[in-house]
Amino acid sequence: MKKISVLLVVASLMPFVISAQNFFNHIYVGGGVGVNISSDYTDIAIQPTIGYRITNIFSVGIFATYEYSYGKGIDYSANSYGGGLFGRAEVPIIPGAFGLVGHAEYSFLNSNIKKNGEEWSNFNNFLPVGVGIYTQSGRTRISLVALWDVFYLKQYGSGGPTLRANIAF
């Protein structure tokens, strides 16, 4: 009777094991680096990511961010930490090799700023959206995306893109 009970328990758990395997086949990890260079400031960022491929085209995920910023010819620097959520669409042009990327994210950063001998902290929200290209080999994808922050554009009316290179496995 014990053997039958154990077999029934194992058999009832099999769909969950199969679902878990399917779930983990859709998970990818990776990260990116970002550089934003203007005439006054330079920002350099690293961003580890974890994503989930909903379909072969659409994915969503989370990320952490560290960013270092400094001024050119002025006394300014900032160390920023944060994270966010992203969604992206990868449309193949040559399936399995090359395609276009659409990317949108919501992110937040807590910045420790030093300027002209003063120090303070600042919290900011960002909504970067953009387009780019990707190349693929198996599960590995490398992309280059140009992102414009909607919140910044709304407030200031202009601003160049941030270029971000990403790799996902």
C-alpha atoms as a PDB file:
ATOM      1  CA  MET A   1       0.000   0.000   0.000  1.00  0.00           C
ATOM      2  CA  LYS A   2       2.898   2.374   0.778  1.00  0.00           C
ATOM      3  CA  LYS A   3       4.363   1.815  -2.706  1.00  0.00           C
ATOM      4  CA  ILE A   4       1.052   2.697  -4.324  1.00  0.00           C
ATOM      5  CA  SER A   5       0.752   5.847  -2.179  1.00  0.00           C
ATOM      6  CA  VAL A   6       4.278   6.936  -3.071  1.00  0.00           C
ATOM      7  CA  LEU A   7       3.621   6.280  -6.765  1.00  0.00           C
ATOM      8  CA  LEU A   8       0.417   8.325  -6.612  1.00  0.00           C
ATOM      9  CA  VAL A   9       2.222  11.244  -4.942  1.00  0.00           C
ATOM     10  CA  VAL A  10       5.072  11.133  -7.485  1.00  0.00           C
ATOM     11  CA  ALA A  11       2.623  10.873 -10.386  1.00  0.00           C
ATOM     12  CA  SER A  12       0.615  13.832  -9.069  1.00  0.00           C
ATOM     13  CA  LEU A  13       3.780  15.969  -8.824  1.00  0.00           C
ATOM     14  CA  MET A  14       5.008  15.217 -12.370  1.00  0.00           C
ATOM     15  CA  PRO A  15       3.038  18.041 -14.058  1.00  0.00           C
ATOM     16  CA  PHE A  16       4.635  20.549 -11.649  1.00  0.00           C
ATOM     17  CA  VAL A  17       8.133  19.204 -12.363  1.00  0.00           C
ATOM     18  CA  ILE A  18       7.514  19.397 -16.111  1.00  0.00           C
ATOM     19  CA  SER A  19       6.096  22.931 -15.730  1.00  0.00           C
ATOM     20  CA  ALA A  20       9.135  23.989 -13.680  1.00  0.00           C
ATOM     21  CA  GLN A  21      11.489  22.651 -16.364  1.00  0.00           C
ATOM     22  CA  ASN A  22       9.539  24.521 -19.041  1.00  0.00           C
ATOM     23  CA  PHE A  23       9.627  27.696 -16.888  1.00  0.00           C
ATOM     24  CA  PHE A  24      13.412  27.532 -16.453  1.00  0.00           C
ATOM     25  CA  ASN A  25      13.907  26.991 -20.205  1.00  0.00           C
ATOM     26  CA  HIS A  26      12.440  30.484 -20.688  1.00  0.00           C
ATOM     27  CA  ILE A  27      14.701  32.181 -18.101  1.00  0.00           C
ATOM     28  CA  TYR A  28      17.810  34.008 -19.254  1.00  0.00           C
ATOM     29  CA  VAL A  29      20.515  35.929 -17.431  1.00  0.00           C
ATOM     30  CA  GLY A  30      22.849  38.526 -18.732  1.00  0.00           C
ATOM     31  CA  GLY A  31      23.718  42.124 -18.376  1.00  0.00           C
ATOM     32  CA  GLY A  32      24.743  45.240 -20.066  1.00  0.00           C
ATOM     33  CA  VAL A  33      26.915  48.286 -20.021  1.00  0.00           C
ATOM     34  CA  GLY A  34      25.716  51.766 -20.826  1.00  0.00           C
ATOM     35  CA  VAL A  35      27.558  54.927 -21.768  1.00  0.00           C
ATOM     36  CA  ASN A  36      26.079  58.411 -22.075  1.00  0.00           C
ATOM     37  CA  ILE A  37      28.500  61.100 -23.202  1.00  0.00           C
ATOM     38  CA  SER A  38      27.565  64.761 -23.506  1.00  0.00           C
ATOM     39  CA  SER A  39      29.644  67.925 -23.650  1.00  0.00           C
ATOM     40  CA  ASP A  40      29.339  68.365 -19.843  1.00  0.00           C
ATOM     41  CA  TYR A  41      28.939  64.878 -18.359  1.00  0.00           C
ATOM     42  CA  THR A  42      29.845  61.237 -18.860  1.00  0.00           C
ATOM     43  CA  ASP A  43      27.835  58.367 -17.352  1.00  0.00           C
ATOM     44  CA  ILE A  44      29.005  54.763 -17.275  1.00  0.00           C
ATOM     45  CA  ALA A  45      26.624  52.045 -16.055  1.00  0.00           C
ATOM     46  CA  ILE A  46      26.599  48.283 -15.498  1.00  0.00           C
ATOM     47  CA  GLN A  47      23.350  46.387 -15.337  1.00  0.00           C
ATOM     48  CA  PRO A  48      22.977  42.654 -14.517  1.00  0.00           C
ATOM     49  CA  THR A  49      19.612  41.280 -15.689  1.00  0.00           C
ATOM     50  CA  ILE A  50      17.292  38.309 -15.293  1.00  0.00           C
ATOM     51  CA  GLY A  51      14.619  37.879 -17.942  1.00  0.00           C
ATOM     52  CA  TYR A  52      11.787  35.592 -18.930  1.00  0.00           C
ATOM     53  CA  ARG A  53      10.978  34.887 -22.591  1.00  0.00           C
ATOM     54  CA  ILE A  54       7.183  34.952 -22.849  1.00  0.00           C
ATOM     55  CA  THR A  55       7.442  34.073 -26.561  1.00  0.00           C
ATOM     56  CA  ASN A  56      10.311  33.959 -29.057  1.00  0.00           C
ATOM     57  CA  ILE A  57       9.736  37.689 -29.580  1.00  0.00           C
ATOM     58  CA  PHE A  58       8.596  39.143 -26.229  1.00  0.00           C
ATOM     59  CA  SER A  59      10.419  39.061 -22.901  1.00  0.00           C
ATOM     60  CA  VAL A  60      10.195  40.808 -19.538  1.00  0.00           C
ATOM     61  CA  GLY A  61      12.579  41.001 -16.619  1.00  0.00           C
ATOM     62  CA  ILE A  62      14.267  42.786 -13.756  1.00  0.00           C
ATOM     63  CA  PHE A  63      17.678  44.367 -13.368  1.00  0.00           C
ATOM     64  CA  ALA A  64      20.005  46.059 -10.909  1.00  0.00           C
ATOM     65  CA  THR A  65      22.061  49.120 -11.842  1.00  0.00           C
ATOM     66  CA  TYR A  66      25.275  50.789 -10.759  1.00  0.00           C
ATOM     67  CA  GLU A  67      26.172  54.052 -12.487  1.00  0.00           C
ATOM     68  CA  TYR A  68      29.140  56.377 -12.124  1.00  0.00           C
ATOM     69  CA  SER A  69      28.825  59.933 -13.472  1.00  0.00           C
ATOM     70  CA  TYR A  70      31.361  62.717 -13.650  1.00  0.00           C
ATOM     71  CA  GLY A  71      31.548  66.225 -15.007  1.00  0.00           C
ATOM     72  CA  LYS A  72      33.998  67.444 -17.610  1.00  0.00           C
ATOM     73  CA  GLY A  73      35.791  70.555 -16.461  1.00  0.00           C
ATOM     74  CA  ILE A  74      33.473  70.952 -13.454  1.00  0.00           C
ATOM     75  CA  ASP A  75      33.554  69.581  -9.911  1.00  0.00           C
ATOM     76  CA  TYR A  76      30.848  66.910 -10.184  1.00  0.00           C
ATOM     77  CA  SER A  77      30.614  63.157  -9.556  1.00  0.00           C
ATOM     78  CA  ALA A  78      27.854  60.730  -8.581  1.00  0.00           C
ATOM     79  CA  ASN A  79      27.605  57.088  -7.559  1.00  0.00           C
ATOM     80  CA  SER A  80      24.127  55.713  -8.224  1.00  0.00           C
ATOM     81  CA  TYR A  81      22.438  52.433  -7.297  1.00  0.00           C
ATOM     82  CA  GLY A  82      19.026  51.172  -8.318  1.00  0.00           C
ATOM     83  CA  GLY A  83      17.024  48.758 -10.402  1.00  0.00           C
ATOM     84  CA  GLY A  84      13.930  48.351 -12.472  1.00  0.00           C
ATOM     85  CA  LEU A  85      11.683  46.361 -14.782  1.00  0.00           C
ATOM     86  CA  PHE A  86      11.958  45.959 -18.550  1.00  0.00           C
ATOM     87  CA  GLY A  87      10.079  44.659 -21.549  1.00  0.00           C
ATOM     88  CA  ARG A  88      11.520  44.034 -24.961  1.00  0.00           C
ATOM     89  CA  ALA A  89      10.563  42.729 -28.369  1.00  0.00           C
ATOM     90  CA  GLU A  90      13.120  41.067 -30.626  1.00  0.00           C
ATOM     91  CA  VAL A  91      11.909  40.788 -34.221  1.00  0.00           C
ATOM     92  CA  PRO A  92      14.044  38.477 -36.354  1.00  0.00           C
ATOM     93  CA  ILE A  93      15.184  39.721 -39.756  1.00  0.00           C
ATOM     94  CA  ILE A  94      17.311  36.642 -40.409  1.00  0.00           C
ATOM     95  CA  PRO A  95      15.839  34.021 -38.017  1.00  0.00           C
ATOM     96  CA  GLY A  96      18.409  32.632 -35.603  1.00  0.00           C
ATOM     97  CA  ALA A  97      21.037  35.202 -36.591  1.00  0.00           C
ATOM     98  CA  PHE A  98      20.001  38.883 -36.665  1.00  0.00           C
ATOM     99  CA  GLY A  99      17.072  41.155 -35.851  1.00  0.00           C
ATOM    100  CA  LEU A 100      15.631  44.392 -34.497  1.00  0.00           C
ATOM    101  CA  VAL A 101      15.003  45.187 -30.817  1.00  0.00           C
ATOM    102  CA  GLY A 102      12.387  47.410 -29.211  1.00  0.00           C
ATOM    103  CA  HIS A 103      13.102  48.081 -25.526  1.00  0.00           C
ATOM    104  CA  ALA A 104      11.236  49.906 -22.735  1.00  0.00           C
ATOM    105  CA  GLU A 105      11.917  49.997 -19.005  1.00  0.00           C
ATOM    106  CA  TYR A 106      11.021  51.702 -15.777  1.00  0.00           C
ATOM    107  CA  SER A 107      14.008  52.292 -13.520  1.00  0.00           C
ATOM    108  CA  PHE A 108      14.957  54.155 -10.388  1.00  0.00           C
ATOM    109  CA  LEU A 109      18.310  55.336  -9.059  1.00  0.00           C
ATOM    110  CA  ASN A 110      19.434  56.601  -5.687  1.00  0.00           C
ATOM    111  CA  SER A 111      22.429  58.879  -6.311  1.00  0.00           C
ATOM    112  CA  ASN A 112      25.109  60.095  -3.919  1.00  0.00           C
ATOM    113  CA  ILE A 113      26.241  63.351  -5.525  1.00  0.00           C
ATOM    114  CA  LYS A 114      29.292  65.551  -4.974  1.00  0.00           C
ATOM    115  CA  LYS A 115      29.299  68.967  -6.621  1.00  0.00           C
ATOM    116  CA  ASN A 116      31.363  72.055  -5.852  1.00  0.00           C
ATOM    117  CA  GLY A 117      32.374  70.686  -2.441  1.00  0.00           C
ATOM    118  CA  GLU A 118      28.793  69.833  -1.379  1.00  0.00           C
ATOM    119  CA  GLU A 119      27.339  66.323  -0.987  1.00  0.00           C
ATOM    120  CA  TRP A 120      23.728  65.111  -1.065  1.00  0.00           C
ATOM    121  CA  SER A 121      21.526  62.200  -2.119  1.00  0.00           C
ATOM    122  CA  ASN A 122      18.885  62.249  -4.815  1.00  0.00           C
ATOM    123  CA  PHE A 123      16.230  59.732  -5.953  1.00  0.00           C
ATOM    124  CA  ASN A 124      15.131  59.686  -9.616  1.00  0.00           C
ATOM    125  CA  ASN A 125      12.739  57.714 -11.837  1.00  0.00           C
ATOM    126  CA  PHE A 126      13.424  57.005 -15.494  1.00  0.00           C
ATOM    127  CA  LEU A 127      11.414  55.697 -18.444  1.00  0.00           C
ATOM    128  CA  PRO A 128      13.891  54.898 -21.240  1.00  0.00           C
ATOM    129  CA  VAL A 129      12.524  53.579 -24.531  1.00  0.00           C
ATOM    130  CA  GLY A 130      14.444  52.782 -27.664  1.00  0.00           C
ATOM    131  CA  VAL A 131      15.376  50.601 -30.593  1.00  0.00           C
ATOM    132  CA  GLY A 132      18.395  48.679 -31.705  1.00  0.00           C
ATOM    133  CA  ILE A 133      19.765  45.539 -33.290  1.00  0.00           C
ATOM    134  CA  TYR A 134      20.676  42.094 -32.006  1.00  0.00           C
ATOM    135  CA  THR A 135      22.662  39.109 -33.159  1.00  0.00           C
ATOM    136  CA  GLN A 136      22.047  35.580 -31.974  1.00  0.00           C
ATOM    137  CA  SER A 137      23.905  32.299 -31.740  1.00  0.00           C
ATOM    138  CA  GLY A 138      21.892  29.563 -30.033  1.00  0.00           C
ATOM    139  CA  ARG A 139      20.507  30.983 -26.766  1.00  0.00           C
ATOM    140  CA  THR A 140      23.118  33.760 -26.643  1.00  0.00           C
ATOM    141  CA  ARG A 141      21.981  37.179 -27.845  1.00  0.00           C
ATOM    142  CA  ILE A 142      24.011  40.354 -28.055  1.00  0.00           C
ATOM    143  CA  SER A 143      22.205  43.646 -28.623  1.00  0.00           C
ATOM    144  CA  LEU A 144      23.042  47.307 -29.082  1.00  0.00           C
ATOM    145  CA  VAL A 145      20.183  49.678 -28.215  1.00  0.00           C
ATOM    146  CA  ALA A 146      19.793  53.485 -28.267  1.00  0.00           C
ATOM    147  CA  LEU A 147      17.484  54.640 -25.423  1.00  0.00           C
ATOM    148  CA  TRP A 148      15.803  58.000 -24.825  1.00  0.00           C
ATOM    149  CA  ASP A 149      14.410  58.822 -21.376  1.00  0.00           C
ATOM    150  CA  VAL A 150      10.777  59.935 -21.801  1.00  0.00           C
ATOM    151  CA  PHE A 151      10.754  61.656 -18.375  1.00  0.00           C
ATOM    152  CA  TYR A 152      13.906  63.649 -19.226  1.00  0.00           C
ATOM    153  CA  LEU A 153      12.605  64.643 -22.663  1.00  0.00           C
ATOM    154  CA  LYS A 154       9.299  65.767 -21.139  1.00  0.00           C
ATOM    155  CA  GLN A 155      11.081  67.923 -18.547  1.00  0.00           C
ATOM    156  CA  TYR A 156      13.920  69.359 -20.662  1.00  0.00           C
ATOM    157  CA  GLY A 157      12.709  68.965 -24.249  1.00  0.00           C
ATOM    158  CA  SER A 158      15.926  67.453 -25.582  1.00  0.00           C
ATOM    159  CA  GLY A 159      18.677  65.026 -24.770  1.00  0.00           C
ATOM    160  CA  GLY A 160      20.811  62.526 -26.566  1.00  0.00           C
ATOM    161  CA  PRO A 161      20.396  58.793 -26.400  1.00  0.00           C
ATOM    162  CA  THR A 162      22.083  56.412 -24.019  1.00  0.00           C
ATOM    163  CA  LEU A 163      23.758  53.581 -25.897  1.00  0.00           C
ATOM    164  CA  ARG A 164      23.551  50.217 -24.182  1.00  0.00           C
ATOM    165  CA  ALA A 165      25.160  46.918 -25.151  1.00  0.00           C
ATOM    166  CA  ASN A 166      23.583  43.789 -23.644  1.00  0.00           C
ATOM    167  CA  ILE A 167      24.367  40.098 -23.635  1.00  0.00           C
ATOM    168  CA  ALA A 168      21.946  37.368 -22.561  1.00  0.00           C
ATOM    169  CA  PHE A 169      22.465  33.621 -22.146  1.00  0.00           C
END
